[in-house]
Amino acid sequence: MHALIQGVILGVLTAGVYALMASGQTLIFGIMKVVNLAQGAMVVFGAYLSYQLFTSWGVDPFLAIPITTVAMFVLGMAVEWAFLRPLRQQDKAELSLLVTFAVALLLEGFLSVTWKTTYRSINTGYANSSMTIAGYQITLVRLWAFLLSLGALALLFLLLNRTRFGRAIRATVQNPESARLLGVEAQRVSAFGFGLGSATAAAAGSVYGLLYAFYPGTHYDLISLLLSIVILGGLGSIGGAVVGALIVSVSSAVVSATASPTWSSMTFFIILLLVLLVRPQGLFGTPARGAI
């Protein structure tokens, strides 16, 4: 029982970071109907930026997040403008898979040339600090990462539900033609939406680099995980991404703690398969256009 509860605690803390990664993925899909296969590479890029700021100038990874998110926001807007906007609307859903995968490979190549292919990690002085509550160990880095992810998700929720830009995004998601007739500039919303999704990847990447070792090819594992989360929760649903991240993270951590780490990586694929057999659109997805 102790191992089970410890696994649940670890899974919940890790779920916050996964949810932050996946929120950008599902936001981009909801706005543009684009499955961004470069999201994992952007998370890794964010981790490398945070690593460089820490090793070169001693900037704490948590304090580096405003810098990395701004940089990745600009990069995301540039990617949308240069590679996705020229695509014909009727072919965008299919071609965007190839385009974003090409962007992922381009980022991987850039990271490999700049930082080589060896594993890196962000080793702060508090990286191994932990506390014990009622006999259960809680790593401080994971706790802070969880709280930061909750804060970032709360800001994203407020942005989408309490601002004019957020209303424009939700209008574009629900009915792009009507939104266009009401004066919403779909291209501008798409660029800002892709930039925002990239910015969440950067924030998650800074935290990811504190928790795990990484190298340029890490994005292959990350994108499979992120796609599983957003499909499980329902494409286009940020709330679904949060719930999906919680299910994936907790189930994997529990299996790792109580059975074997070998099986933990298969757990979320099994859960995904079972859910899709019953509900093909995911837990919170709808057959109609996305519902952010």
Protein backbone atom coordinates (compact mmCIF):
# COMPACT_ATOMS: atom_id res chain seq x y z
CA MET A 1 0.00 0.00 0.00
CA HIS A 2 2.89 2.35 0.79
CA ALA A 3 4.36 1.84 -2.69
CA LEU A 4 0.93 2.43 -4.26
CA ILE A 5 0.39 5.76 -2.49
CA GLN A 6 3.98 6.85 -3.20
CA GLY A 7 3.37 6.07 -6.87
CA VAL A 8 0.16 8.13 -6.87
CA ILE A 9 1.98 11.10 -5.31
CA LEU A 10 4.77 10.90 -7.88
CA GLY A 11 2.25 10.55 -10.71
CA VAL A 12 0.20 13.56 -9.63
CA LEU A 13 3.26 15.79 -9.34
CA THR A 14 4.56 14.72 -12.75
CA ALA A 15 1.11 15.11 -14.33
CA GLY A 16 1.31 18.89 -13.98
CA VAL A 17 4.33 19.05 -16.28
CA TYR A 18 2.74 16.67 -18.79
CA ALA A 19 -0.45 18.75 -18.77
CA LEU A 20 1.51 21.91 -19.50
CA MET A 21 3.23 20.23 -22.45
CA ALA A 22 -0.03 18.82 -23.81
CA SER A 23 -2.03 22.03 -23.35
CA GLY A 24 -0.03 23.74 -26.08
CA GLN A 25 -0.49 20.74 -28.36
CA THR A 26 -4.25 20.67 -27.95
CA LEU A 27 -4.51 24.48 -28.16
CA ILE A 28 -2.83 24.47 -31.56
CA PHE A 29 -5.10 21.68 -32.77
CA GLY A 30 -8.21 23.44 -31.50
CA ILE A 31 -7.36 26.67 -33.32
CA MET A 32 -5.80 25.41 -36.54
CA LYS A 33 -6.74 21.72 -36.77
CA VAL A 34 -3.00 21.08 -36.98
CA VAL A 35 -1.40 18.14 -35.18
CA ASN A 36 1.93 19.69 -34.22
CA LEU A 37 4.51 16.91 -34.40
CA ALA A 38 7.18 19.46 -33.49
CA GLN A 39 5.76 20.06 -29.99
CA GLY A 40 8.11 17.52 -28.41
CA ALA A 41 11.11 19.09 -30.15
CA MET A 42 10.01 22.50 -28.87
CA VAL A 43 9.89 21.15 -25.32
CA VAL A 44 13.45 19.84 -25.73
CA PHE A 45 14.52 23.17 -27.27
CA GLY A 46 13.09 24.94 -24.22
CA ALA A 47 15.07 22.59 -21.98
CA TYR A 48 18.30 23.39 -23.85
CA LEU A 49 17.66 27.15 -23.66
CA SER A 50 17.14 26.86 -19.91
CA TYR A 51 20.25 24.68 -19.63
CA GLN A 52 22.35 27.25 -21.48
CA LEU A 53 21.07 30.13 -19.38
CA PHE A 54 21.89 28.17 -16.22
CA THR A 55 25.38 26.97 -17.23
CA SER A 56 26.51 30.22 -18.86
CA TRP A 57 24.94 32.91 -16.66
CA GLY A 58 23.69 31.02 -13.61
CA VAL A 59 20.04 31.84 -14.27
CA ASP A 60 17.80 29.52 -12.25
CA PRO A 61 15.61 27.36 -14.55
CA PHE A 62 12.43 28.62 -12.92
CA LEU A 63 13.53 32.24 -13.37
CA ALA A 64 14.55 31.48 -16.96
CA ILE A 65 10.98 30.57 -17.94
CA PRO A 66 9.93 34.15 -18.92
CA ILE A 67 12.95 34.35 -21.23
CA THR A 68 12.48 30.96 -22.85
CA THR A 69 8.72 31.39 -23.30
CA VAL A 70 9.16 34.72 -25.10
CA ALA A 71 11.83 33.22 -27.36
CA MET A 72 9.71 30.19 -28.19
CA PHE A 73 6.60 32.33 -28.70
CA VAL A 74 8.45 34.25 -31.41
CA LEU A 75 9.76 30.99 -32.91
CA GLY A 76 6.26 29.51 -32.95
CA MET A 77 4.85 32.54 -34.76
CA ALA A 78 7.70 32.33 -37.28
CA VAL A 79 7.03 28.63 -37.90
CA GLU A 80 3.33 29.31 -38.48
CA TRP A 81 4.06 32.18 -40.85
CA ALA A 82 6.83 30.45 -42.83
CA PHE A 83 5.65 26.84 -43.01
CA LEU A 84 1.95 26.50 -42.17
CA ARG A 85 0.29 29.64 -43.50
CA PRO A 86 1.29 28.96 -47.14
CA LEU A 87 -0.49 25.58 -47.09
CA ARG A 88 -3.79 25.35 -48.93
CA GLN A 89 -6.69 25.26 -46.50
CA GLN A 90 -8.24 22.12 -47.99
CA ASP A 91 -4.95 20.19 -47.63
CA LYS A 92 -3.75 21.77 -44.38
CA ALA A 93 -4.75 18.96 -42.00
CA GLU A 94 -2.78 16.35 -43.95
CA LEU A 95 0.19 18.42 -45.10
CA SER A 96 0.71 19.95 -41.66
CA LEU A 97 1.73 16.52 -40.35
CA LEU A 98 4.61 16.41 -42.84
CA VAL A 99 5.51 20.06 -42.31
CA THR A 100 5.60 19.93 -38.50
CA PHE A 101 7.56 16.66 -38.58
CA ALA A 102 10.06 18.37 -40.87
CA VAL A 103 10.24 21.26 -38.38
CA ALA A 104 10.91 18.72 -35.60
CA LEU A 105 13.78 17.21 -37.60
CA LEU A 106 15.13 20.69 -38.34
CA LEU A 107 15.09 21.55 -34.63
CA GLU A 108 16.71 18.21 -33.78
CA GLY A 109 19.49 18.90 -36.26
CA PHE A 110 20.03 22.40 -34.88
CA LEU A 111 20.20 21.08 -31.31
CA SER A 112 22.61 18.31 -32.33
CA VAL A 113 24.97 20.76 -34.01
CA THR A 114 24.77 23.34 -31.22
CA TRP A 115 24.84 21.14 -28.12
CA LYS A 116 25.95 17.77 -29.58
CA THR A 117 24.07 14.52 -29.00
CA THR A 118 25.24 13.72 -25.48
CA TYR A 119 22.75 13.69 -22.62
CA ARG A 120 22.41 16.92 -20.66
CA SER A 121 20.68 17.76 -17.40
CA ILE A 122 20.16 20.89 -15.31
CA ASN A 123 21.83 20.16 -11.98
CA THR A 124 20.87 22.87 -9.52
CA GLY A 125 21.86 22.89 -5.86
CA TYR A 126 18.34 21.85 -4.85
CA ALA A 127 17.90 19.16 -7.51
CA ASN A 128 18.02 16.31 -5.00
CA SER A 129 16.29 18.05 -2.10
CA SER A 130 13.19 16.35 -0.73
CA MET A 131 10.91 16.30 2.28
CA THR A 132 9.03 13.51 4.01
CA ILE A 133 5.35 13.85 4.96
CA ALA A 134 3.64 11.01 6.84
CA GLY A 135 6.35 8.64 5.63
CA TYR A 136 6.02 9.60 1.96
CA GLN A 137 8.88 11.29 0.13
CA ILE A 138 8.21 14.36 -1.98
CA THR A 139 10.96 15.76 -4.18
CA LEU A 140 10.97 19.55 -3.91
CA VAL A 141 11.76 20.07 -7.60
CA ARG A 142 8.71 18.01 -8.60
CA LEU A 143 6.54 19.89 -6.13
CA TRP A 144 7.68 23.28 -7.41
CA ALA A 145 7.31 22.09 -11.01
CA PHE A 146 3.77 20.94 -10.25
CA LEU A 147 2.84 24.29 -8.66
CA LEU A 148 4.41 26.22 -11.53
CA SER A 149 2.53 24.12 -14.08
CA LEU A 150 -0.74 24.76 -12.23
CA GLY A 151 -0.01 28.48 -12.27
CA ALA A 152 0.78 28.46 -16.00
CA LEU A 153 -2.38 26.49 -16.78
CA ALA A 154 -4.41 28.93 -14.68
CA LEU A 155 -2.96 31.86 -16.63
CA LEU A 156 -3.78 30.08 -19.88
CA PHE A 157 -7.35 29.52 -18.68
CA LEU A 158 -7.73 33.20 -17.78
CA LEU A 159 -6.27 34.23 -21.13
CA LEU A 160 -8.76 32.08 -23.01
CA ASN A 161 -11.79 33.00 -20.93
CA ARG A 162 -11.23 36.56 -19.70
CA THR A 163 -9.57 38.41 -22.56
CA ARG A 164 -10.61 39.64 -25.98
CA PHE A 165 -7.89 37.54 -27.58
CA GLY A 166 -9.18 34.47 -25.76
CA ARG A 167 -12.69 35.12 -27.03
CA ALA A 168 -11.30 35.42 -30.55
CA ILE A 169 -9.56 32.06 -30.13
CA ARG A 170 -12.69 30.35 -28.83
CA ALA A 171 -14.78 31.88 -31.61
CA THR A 172 -12.31 30.63 -34.22
CA VAL A 173 -12.37 27.15 -32.67
CA GLN A 174 -16.15 26.92 -32.51
CA ASN A 175 -17.02 28.46 -35.89
CA PRO A 176 -14.20 29.96 -37.99
CA GLU A 177 -16.52 31.30 -40.71
CA SER A 178 -18.75 33.17 -38.26
CA ALA A 179 -15.69 34.47 -36.42
CA ARG A 180 -14.32 35.82 -39.69
CA LEU A 181 -17.62 37.57 -40.44
CA LEU A 182 -17.47 39.21 -37.00
CA GLY A 183 -14.07 40.69 -37.76
CA VAL A 184 -11.77 38.11 -36.21
CA GLU A 185 -8.56 37.85 -38.23
CA ALA A 186 -8.08 34.08 -38.48
CA GLN A 187 -4.46 34.32 -39.65
CA ARG A 188 -3.46 36.51 -36.73
CA VAL A 189 -5.27 34.23 -34.28
CA SER A 190 -3.53 31.20 -35.80
CA ALA A 191 -0.09 32.84 -35.51
CA PHE A 192 -0.66 33.89 -31.91
CA GLY A 193 -2.17 30.52 -31.07
CA PHE A 194 0.79 28.61 -32.49
CA GLY A 195 3.14 30.97 -30.67
CA LEU A 196 1.25 30.44 -27.43
CA GLY A 197 1.40 26.68 -27.85
CA SER A 198 5.15 26.93 -28.42
CA ALA A 199 5.53 29.13 -25.35
CA THR A 200 3.87 26.50 -23.13
CA ALA A 201 6.33 23.97 -24.58
CA ALA A 202 9.22 26.23 -23.52
CA ALA A 203 7.86 26.59 -19.98
CA ALA A 204 7.42 22.84 -19.72
CA GLY A 205 10.89 22.30 -21.20
CA SER A 206 12.58 24.36 -18.49
CA VAL A 207 10.93 22.18 -15.86
CA TYR A 208 11.53 18.97 -17.83
CA GLY A 209 15.27 19.66 -17.87
CA LEU A 210 15.25 19.76 -14.07
CA LEU A 211 13.50 16.40 -13.78
CA TYR A 212 15.06 14.32 -16.56
CA ALA A 213 18.22 14.04 -18.62
CA PHE A 214 17.65 14.94 -22.28
CA TYR A 215 19.31 14.98 -25.69
CA PRO A 216 18.07 16.14 -29.13
CA GLY A 217 16.33 12.82 -29.90
CA THR A 218 14.27 12.97 -26.70
CA HIS A 219 11.45 14.58 -28.69
CA TYR A 220 10.51 11.22 -30.26
CA ASP A 221 9.49 9.83 -26.88
CA LEU A 222 7.84 13.08 -25.87
CA ILE A 223 5.65 13.43 -28.95
CA SER A 224 4.30 9.90 -28.58
CA LEU A 225 3.46 10.69 -24.95
CA LEU A 226 1.85 14.04 -25.82
CA LEU A 227 -0.23 12.59 -28.64
CA SER A 228 -1.45 9.86 -26.29
CA ILE A 229 -2.48 12.46 -23.71
CA VAL A 230 -4.34 14.77 -26.09
CA ILE A 231 -6.08 11.90 -27.88
CA LEU A 232 -7.07 10.35 -24.57
CA GLY A 233 -8.44 13.64 -23.25
CA GLY A 234 -10.01 14.63 -26.57
CA LEU A 235 -8.39 16.65 -29.34
CA GLY A 236 -9.06 20.36 -28.84
CA SER A 237 -9.93 20.15 -25.13
CA ILE A 238 -7.45 21.70 -22.69
CA GLY A 239 -9.42 20.30 -19.76
CA GLY A 240 -9.20 16.92 -21.42
CA ALA A 241 -5.42 17.33 -21.76
CA VAL A 242 -5.15 17.93 -18.01
CA VAL A 243 -7.24 14.87 -17.17
CA GLY A 244 -5.41 12.80 -19.77
CA ALA A 245 -2.04 13.83 -18.31
CA LEU A 246 -3.24 12.87 -14.83
CA ILE A 247 -4.41 9.44 -15.98
CA VAL A 248 -1.26 8.73 -17.98
CA SER A 249 1.16 9.93 -15.31
CA VAL A 250 -0.51 8.32 -12.29
CA SER A 251 -1.09 4.97 -13.99
CA SER A 252 2.52 4.79 -15.21
CA ALA A 253 3.93 5.77 -11.81
CA VAL A 254 1.73 3.27 -9.96
CA VAL A 255 2.69 0.42 -12.27
CA SER A 256 6.36 1.36 -11.96
CA ALA A 257 6.17 1.47 -8.15
CA THR A 258 4.07 -1.65 -7.60
CA ALA A 259 5.01 -3.91 -10.50
CA SER A 260 7.93 -3.10 -12.78
CA PRO A 261 9.31 0.03 -14.49
CA THR A 262 9.54 -2.07 -17.66
CA TRP A 263 5.75 -2.12 -17.96
CA SER A 264 5.13 1.49 -17.00
CA SER A 265 5.83 2.84 -20.49
CA MET A 266 3.18 0.52 -21.93
CA THR A 267 0.50 1.45 -19.43
CA PHE A 268 -0.79 4.62 -21.06
CA PHE A 269 -0.96 2.96 -24.49
CA ILE A 270 -3.15 0.22 -23.05
CA ILE A 271 -5.40 2.78 -21.34
CA LEU A 272 -5.58 4.83 -24.54
CA LEU A 273 -6.61 1.79 -26.56
CA LEU A 274 -9.33 0.81 -24.07
CA VAL A 275 -10.77 4.35 -23.93
CA LEU A 276 -10.80 4.75 -27.72
CA LEU A 277 -12.60 1.43 -28.14
CA VAL A 278 -15.45 2.83 -26.03
CA ARG A 279 -15.21 6.54 -26.91
CA PRO A 280 -13.31 7.20 -30.17
CA GLN A 281 -13.31 10.99 -29.70
CA GLY A 282 -11.57 10.73 -26.32
CA LEU A 283 -12.88 11.51 -22.85
CA PHE A 284 -13.79 15.14 -23.46
CA GLY A 285 -13.65 15.37 -27.24
CA THR A 286 -16.65 15.95 -29.44
CA PRO A 287 -17.37 14.78 -32.99
CA ALA A 288 -17.77 18.45 -33.97
CA ARG A 289 -15.02 21.07 -34.17
CA GLY A 290 -12.77 21.43 -31.09
CA ALA A 291 -14.02 22.71 -27.76
CA ILE A 292 -11.36 24.65 -25.90
